[in-house]
Amino acid sequence: MIKLSNIDFRYKKTKPLFENLNLTLQPGFIYGLLGKNGAGKSSLLKLISGLLFANSGQCSVFGFDASARKPEMLQDIYLIAEEFELPPISLSTFVKINSVFYTNFSQNQLNAYLAEFELSEDAKLSTLSYGQKKKFLIAFGLATNARVLILDEPTNGLDIPSKSQFRKIMAAALDEEKIIIISTHQVRDLENLIDNIVVLEKGNIIFNQSIANISERLAFEYNLAGVPDEEILYAEELQGRKAGIVKNIAGVDSRVDMELLFNGIVKNPQALNEGFANVKYEY
């Protein structure tokens, strides 16, 4: 379990980014960390992985204090940053150098992931495109079998077929001991993949719900003509029609439109959260 309790954080000479932030992430789920650029997503991921230190409060990862950066914790965390620099070496050399830090690393799993992504271990990292490098890091990260896998904007640089491969591989990689956190502002790339949505806005968690709860409580409509105003939680113009989110009065599970949901949360979080007034959840 990852638990952030009463986290305060600021960069030097700036106003606070997080104030009294609380969040609990449980094993066995893929979390989508959503937010606009500058919302604090990358900073939150760095706090969890021990790359940044809170001014006050506590962040624990499977019982370890993240800021202590103990080897026993670090061998169970793999972070794929949005921006990265890789040395001009072969994939196999990178694996030989870095796999020793992860006690549960599996070469067989890596080979399978590389084959899925159509990458050769003999290739030089310097010859790969940005998207190919990203796919290699995803494959290596999964092969570490770290219990916490953090991906910051993982679909940047991936073409449409690669995004489909990514969703397939990530869904298959989850087990009951792992916590997978995927941070992005490209919300459609996470459809049919994530289990929980956490939305950050200006350093605050403004929404935190499971896909199951969202599907049960909300319905996504693409023509709101005739829908009573009191049932509409959010509306926007879409191709000449008014689309939006309404209360799921029928109680039949609906398909979650990630982009429409994200727009609604950012523009009117109070209305969207009121739809979950009787649902117990923890920030």
Protein backbone atom coordinates (compact mmCIF):
# COMPACT_ATOMS: atom_id res chain seq x y z
CA MET A 1 0.00 0.00 0.00
CA ILE A 2 1.08 3.57 -0.71
CA LYS A 3 -0.12 6.13 1.82
CA LEU A 4 0.48 9.87 1.73
CA SER A 5 -0.56 11.59 4.95
CA ASN A 6 -0.82 15.36 5.45
CA ILE A 7 1.80 16.10 2.78
CA ASP A 8 3.02 19.68 2.46
CA PHE A 9 5.50 20.41 -0.32
CA ARG A 10 6.89 23.43 -2.09
CA TYR A 11 9.80 24.13 -4.38
CA LYS A 12 12.22 26.77 -3.13
CA LYS A 13 10.96 30.35 -3.36
CA THR A 14 7.56 29.31 -4.69
CA LYS A 15 4.11 29.05 -3.18
CA PRO A 16 3.11 25.63 -1.78
CA LEU A 17 2.32 22.98 -4.38
CA PHE A 18 0.72 20.50 -1.96
CA GLU A 19 -0.92 21.42 1.32
CA ASN A 20 -2.27 18.71 3.64
CA LEU A 21 -2.52 16.23 0.76
CA ASN A 22 -3.80 12.75 1.61
CA LEU A 23 -3.98 9.76 -0.73
CA THR A 24 -4.08 5.98 -0.34
CA LEU A 25 -3.32 3.55 -3.19
CA GLN A 26 -4.03 -0.15 -2.78
CA PRO A 27 -2.32 -3.15 -4.44
CA GLY A 28 -4.13 -4.90 -7.27
CA PHE A 29 -5.21 -1.77 -9.13
CA ILE A 30 -4.12 0.44 -12.01
CA TYR A 31 -4.52 4.10 -11.06
CA GLY A 32 -4.90 6.85 -13.61
CA LEU A 33 -3.39 10.07 -12.27
CA LEU A 34 -4.94 12.77 -14.42
CA GLY A 35 -4.50 16.50 -14.59
CA LYS A 36 -3.56 19.37 -16.83
CA ASN A 37 0.08 20.30 -17.35
CA GLY A 38 1.43 21.90 -14.18
CA ALA A 39 -1.18 20.31 -11.90
CA GLY A 40 1.51 18.57 -9.81
CA LYS A 41 1.36 15.04 -11.25
CA SER A 42 5.11 14.58 -11.80
CA SER A 43 5.94 16.08 -8.41
CA LEU A 44 3.54 13.67 -6.70
CA LEU A 45 5.14 10.70 -8.46
CA LYS A 46 8.60 11.86 -7.39
CA LEU A 47 7.46 12.14 -3.78
CA ILE A 48 6.20 8.55 -3.92
CA SER A 49 9.44 7.27 -5.46
CA GLY A 50 11.69 9.19 -3.04
CA LEU A 51 13.07 11.65 -5.58
CA LEU A 52 11.49 14.61 -3.79
CA PHE A 53 11.04 15.09 -0.05
CA ALA A 54 7.96 16.58 1.59
CA ASN A 55 8.36 19.62 3.82
CA SER A 56 6.03 17.90 6.27
CA GLY A 57 3.80 14.85 6.40
CA GLN A 58 4.66 11.27 5.56
CA CYS A 59 4.75 9.12 2.44
CA SER A 60 5.01 5.36 3.02
CA VAL A 61 5.44 2.69 0.35
CA PHE A 62 4.65 -0.82 1.55
CA GLY A 63 5.64 0.27 5.05
CA PHE A 64 8.84 2.09 4.06
CA ASP A 65 9.37 5.82 4.47
CA ALA A 66 9.82 6.95 0.85
CA SER A 67 12.19 9.76 1.81
CA ALA A 68 14.62 7.27 3.44
CA ARG A 69 15.21 5.63 0.02
CA LYS A 70 16.13 2.28 1.53
CA PRO A 71 17.36 -0.34 -0.98
CA GLU A 72 14.58 -2.69 0.14
CA MET A 73 12.05 -0.13 -1.06
CA LEU A 74 13.87 1.03 -4.19
CA GLN A 75 14.16 -2.50 -5.56
CA ASP A 76 10.36 -2.61 -5.52
CA ILE A 77 9.78 0.67 -7.37
CA TYR A 78 10.33 1.43 -11.04
CA LEU A 79 9.69 4.92 -12.41
CA ILE A 80 9.55 5.73 -16.10
CA ALA A 81 9.83 9.50 -16.34
CA GLU A 82 8.33 11.57 -19.14
CA GLU A 83 11.76 12.90 -20.08
CA PHE A 84 14.84 10.69 -19.87
CA GLU A 85 18.41 10.31 -21.13
CA LEU A 86 19.76 6.88 -22.09
CA PRO A 87 23.42 5.99 -22.69
CA PRO A 88 24.63 4.97 -26.19
CA ILE A 89 24.81 1.26 -25.34
CA SER A 90 22.97 -1.83 -26.49
CA LEU A 91 19.72 -2.90 -24.90
CA SER A 92 21.41 -6.04 -23.58
CA THR A 93 24.16 -4.02 -21.90
CA PHE A 94 21.59 -1.72 -20.28
CA VAL A 95 19.78 -4.79 -18.96
CA LYS A 96 23.01 -6.34 -17.63
CA ILE A 97 23.95 -3.14 -15.77
CA ASN A 98 20.53 -2.31 -14.31
CA SER A 99 18.73 -5.61 -13.76
CA VAL A 100 20.95 -6.48 -10.75
CA PHE A 101 19.17 -3.80 -8.71
CA TYR A 102 15.85 -5.67 -8.97
CA THR A 103 15.76 -9.02 -7.19
CA ASN A 104 12.63 -10.20 -9.03
CA PHE A 105 13.85 -9.30 -12.52
CA SER A 106 12.88 -11.85 -15.20
CA GLN A 107 14.84 -12.14 -18.44
CA ASN A 108 12.17 -14.40 -19.90
CA GLN A 109 9.50 -11.79 -19.29
CA LEU A 110 11.71 -9.09 -20.81
CA ASN A 111 12.23 -11.21 -23.93
CA ALA A 112 8.47 -11.62 -24.28
CA TYR A 113 7.82 -7.89 -23.89
CA LEU A 114 10.56 -6.99 -26.37
CA ALA A 115 9.08 -9.41 -28.88
CA GLU A 116 5.64 -7.85 -28.38
CA PHE A 117 7.13 -4.40 -29.02
CA GLU A 118 9.25 -5.68 -31.93
CA LEU A 119 12.55 -4.67 -30.33
CA SER A 120 15.88 -6.52 -30.47
CA GLU A 121 18.20 -6.73 -27.46
CA ASP A 122 21.13 -6.31 -29.85
CA ALA A 123 19.96 -2.86 -30.93
CA LYS A 124 21.77 0.26 -29.72
CA LEU A 125 19.72 2.67 -27.65
CA SER A 126 21.22 5.57 -29.60
CA THR A 127 19.67 4.25 -32.83
CA LEU A 128 16.15 3.95 -31.46
CA SER A 129 13.43 6.53 -31.91
CA TYR A 130 11.90 8.23 -28.86
CA GLY A 131 8.89 5.93 -29.06
CA GLN A 132 11.08 2.81 -29.30
CA LYS A 133 13.10 3.93 -26.28
CA LYS A 134 9.87 4.45 -24.37
CA LYS A 135 8.70 0.95 -25.28
CA PHE A 136 12.03 -0.52 -24.14
CA LEU A 137 11.78 1.23 -20.76
CA ILE A 138 8.21 -0.02 -20.34
CA ALA A 139 9.34 -3.58 -21.16
CA PHE A 140 12.26 -3.37 -18.75
CA GLY A 141 10.11 -1.82 -16.02
CA LEU A 142 7.57 -4.61 -16.26
CA ALA A 143 10.30 -7.26 -16.26
CA THR A 144 11.66 -5.94 -12.94
CA ASN A 145 8.44 -7.20 -11.31
CA ALA A 146 8.60 -4.23 -8.95
CA ARG A 147 5.46 -3.98 -6.85
CA VAL A 148 5.17 -0.27 -7.67
CA LEU A 149 5.37 0.70 -11.33
CA ILE A 150 5.07 4.41 -12.06
CA LEU A 151 4.70 5.71 -15.61
CA ASP A 152 4.71 9.43 -16.35
CA GLU A 153 3.10 10.21 -19.73
CA PRO A 154 3.96 6.71 -21.05
CA THR A 155 2.06 7.04 -24.33
CA ASN A 156 3.89 10.18 -25.47
CA GLY A 157 5.81 9.24 -28.60
CA LEU A 158 3.81 6.06 -29.23
CA ASP A 159 1.87 5.60 -32.46
CA ILE A 160 -1.67 4.20 -32.45
CA PRO A 161 -0.70 0.50 -32.81
CA SER A 162 1.90 0.91 -30.03
CA LYS A 163 -0.69 2.50 -27.73
CA SER A 164 -2.90 -0.53 -28.28
CA GLN A 165 0.06 -2.82 -27.45
CA PHE A 166 0.75 -0.76 -24.35
CA ARG A 167 -2.79 -1.14 -23.02
CA LYS A 168 -2.75 -4.87 -23.70
CA ILE A 169 0.58 -5.44 -21.96
CA MET A 170 -0.23 -3.26 -18.94
CA ALA A 171 -3.57 -4.96 -18.34
CA ALA A 172 -1.93 -8.39 -18.44
CA ALA A 173 0.92 -7.33 -16.12
CA LEU A 174 -1.25 -6.38 -13.14
CA ASP A 175 -1.53 -8.80 -10.22
CA GLU A 176 -2.90 -8.55 -6.68
CA GLU A 177 0.45 -7.39 -5.24
CA LYS A 178 1.22 -4.59 -7.71
CA ILE A 179 0.29 -0.94 -7.75
CA ILE A 180 0.52 0.63 -11.21
CA ILE A 181 0.24 4.41 -11.48
CA ILE A 182 -0.11 5.95 -14.92
CA SER A 183 0.07 9.74 -15.09
CA THR A 184 -1.13 11.48 -18.22
CA HIS A 185 -3.11 14.36 -19.63
CA GLN A 186 -3.97 12.26 -22.71
CA VAL A 187 -6.97 10.72 -21.00
CA ARG A 188 -8.30 8.71 -23.94
CA ASP A 189 -5.14 6.59 -23.94
CA LEU A 190 -6.21 5.09 -20.60
CA GLU A 191 -9.72 4.04 -21.55
CA ASN A 192 -10.50 0.38 -20.72
CA LEU A 193 -7.23 0.11 -18.78
CA ILE A 194 -7.41 1.86 -15.41
CA ASP A 195 -9.37 0.84 -12.32
CA ASN A 196 -9.33 4.15 -10.43
CA ILE A 197 -9.19 7.79 -11.43
CA VAL A 198 -7.35 10.39 -9.33
CA VAL A 199 -7.48 13.95 -10.65
CA LEU A 200 -5.07 16.68 -9.57
CA GLU A 201 -5.78 20.35 -10.11
CA LYS A 202 -3.38 23.02 -8.85
CA GLY A 203 -1.88 20.63 -6.34
CA ASN A 204 -5.23 19.45 -4.95
CA ILE A 205 -6.94 16.09 -5.39
CA ILE A 206 -10.34 17.12 -6.71
CA PHE A 207 -11.62 13.65 -7.64
CA ASN A 208 -10.82 10.10 -6.53
CA GLN A 209 -13.15 7.31 -7.62
CA SER A 210 -13.11 3.80 -9.04
CA ILE A 211 -14.29 3.18 -12.58
CA ALA A 212 -16.91 0.82 -11.13
CA ASN A 213 -18.38 3.62 -8.98
CA ILE A 214 -18.29 6.07 -11.89
CA SER A 215 -20.04 3.61 -14.20
CA GLU A 216 -22.73 2.98 -11.59
CA ARG A 217 -23.38 6.60 -10.56
CA LEU A 218 -22.90 8.53 -13.82
CA ALA A 219 -24.12 8.24 -17.39
CA PHE A 220 -22.50 9.84 -20.43
CA GLU A 221 -24.86 11.29 -23.00
CA TYR A 222 -24.11 12.76 -26.43
CA ASN A 223 -27.45 14.49 -26.95
CA LEU A 224 -28.90 16.15 -23.87
CA ALA A 225 -32.02 17.41 -25.62
CA GLY A 226 -34.97 16.71 -23.38
CA VAL A 227 -32.91 15.78 -20.31
CA PRO A 228 -34.13 17.72 -17.23
CA ASP A 229 -31.63 20.30 -15.97
CA GLU A 230 -31.62 18.81 -12.46
CA GLU A 231 -30.21 15.55 -13.86
CA ILE A 232 -27.34 17.22 -15.75
CA LEU A 233 -24.04 17.41 -13.86
CA TYR A 234 -21.93 18.73 -16.73
CA ALA A 235 -22.56 19.79 -20.33
CA GLU A 236 -20.46 20.90 -23.30
CA GLU A 237 -20.95 21.53 -27.00
CA LEU A 238 -19.96 18.55 -29.16
CA GLN A 239 -20.35 18.64 -32.94
CA GLY A 240 -23.38 20.91 -32.83
CA ARG A 241 -25.03 19.02 -30.01
CA LYS A 242 -24.92 19.34 -26.25
CA ALA A 243 -23.17 16.35 -24.68
CA GLY A 244 -22.56 15.79 -21.02
CA ILE A 245 -22.70 13.78 -17.82
CA VAL A 246 -25.96 13.03 -16.06
CA LYS A 247 -27.06 11.19 -12.95
CA ASN A 248 -27.37 7.47 -13.66
CA ILE A 249 -30.94 7.20 -12.47
CA ALA A 250 -31.53 3.91 -14.28
CA GLY A 251 -28.74 2.28 -12.27
CA VAL A 252 -27.44 0.39 -15.33
CA ASP A 253 -23.65 0.44 -15.63
CA SER A 254 -22.60 2.88 -18.35
CA ARG A 255 -19.49 3.18 -20.49
CA VAL A 256 -17.16 5.81 -19.03
CA ASP A 257 -16.09 8.50 -21.48
CA MET A 258 -12.71 9.50 -20.03
CA GLU A 259 -12.36 12.77 -21.93
CA LEU A 260 -15.87 13.94 -21.09
CA LEU A 261 -15.38 12.91 -17.46
CA PHE A 262 -12.06 14.72 -17.17
CA ASN A 263 -13.49 17.90 -18.67
CA GLY A 264 -16.40 17.76 -16.26
CA ILE A 265 -14.19 17.19 -13.23
CA VAL A 266 -11.84 20.06 -14.05
CA LYS A 267 -14.59 22.53 -14.89
CA ASN A 268 -17.14 21.58 -12.22
CA PRO A 269 -15.64 19.22 -9.62
CA GLN A 270 -18.27 20.01 -6.99
CA ALA A 271 -21.16 18.84 -9.18
CA LEU A 272 -19.36 15.66 -10.21
CA ASN A 273 -18.38 14.79 -6.65
CA GLU A 274 -21.94 15.32 -5.45
CA GLY A 275 -22.86 12.32 -7.57
CA PHE A 276 -20.86 10.19 -5.12
CA ALA A 277 -22.19 11.65 -1.89
CA ASN A 278 -22.94 8.22 -0.42
CA VAL A 279 -19.83 6.44 -1.71
CA LYS A 280 -17.04 5.91 0.81
CA TYR A 281 -13.60 6.71 -0.54
CA GLU A 282 -10.33 7.95 0.88
CA TYR A 283 -8.12 10.76 -0.27
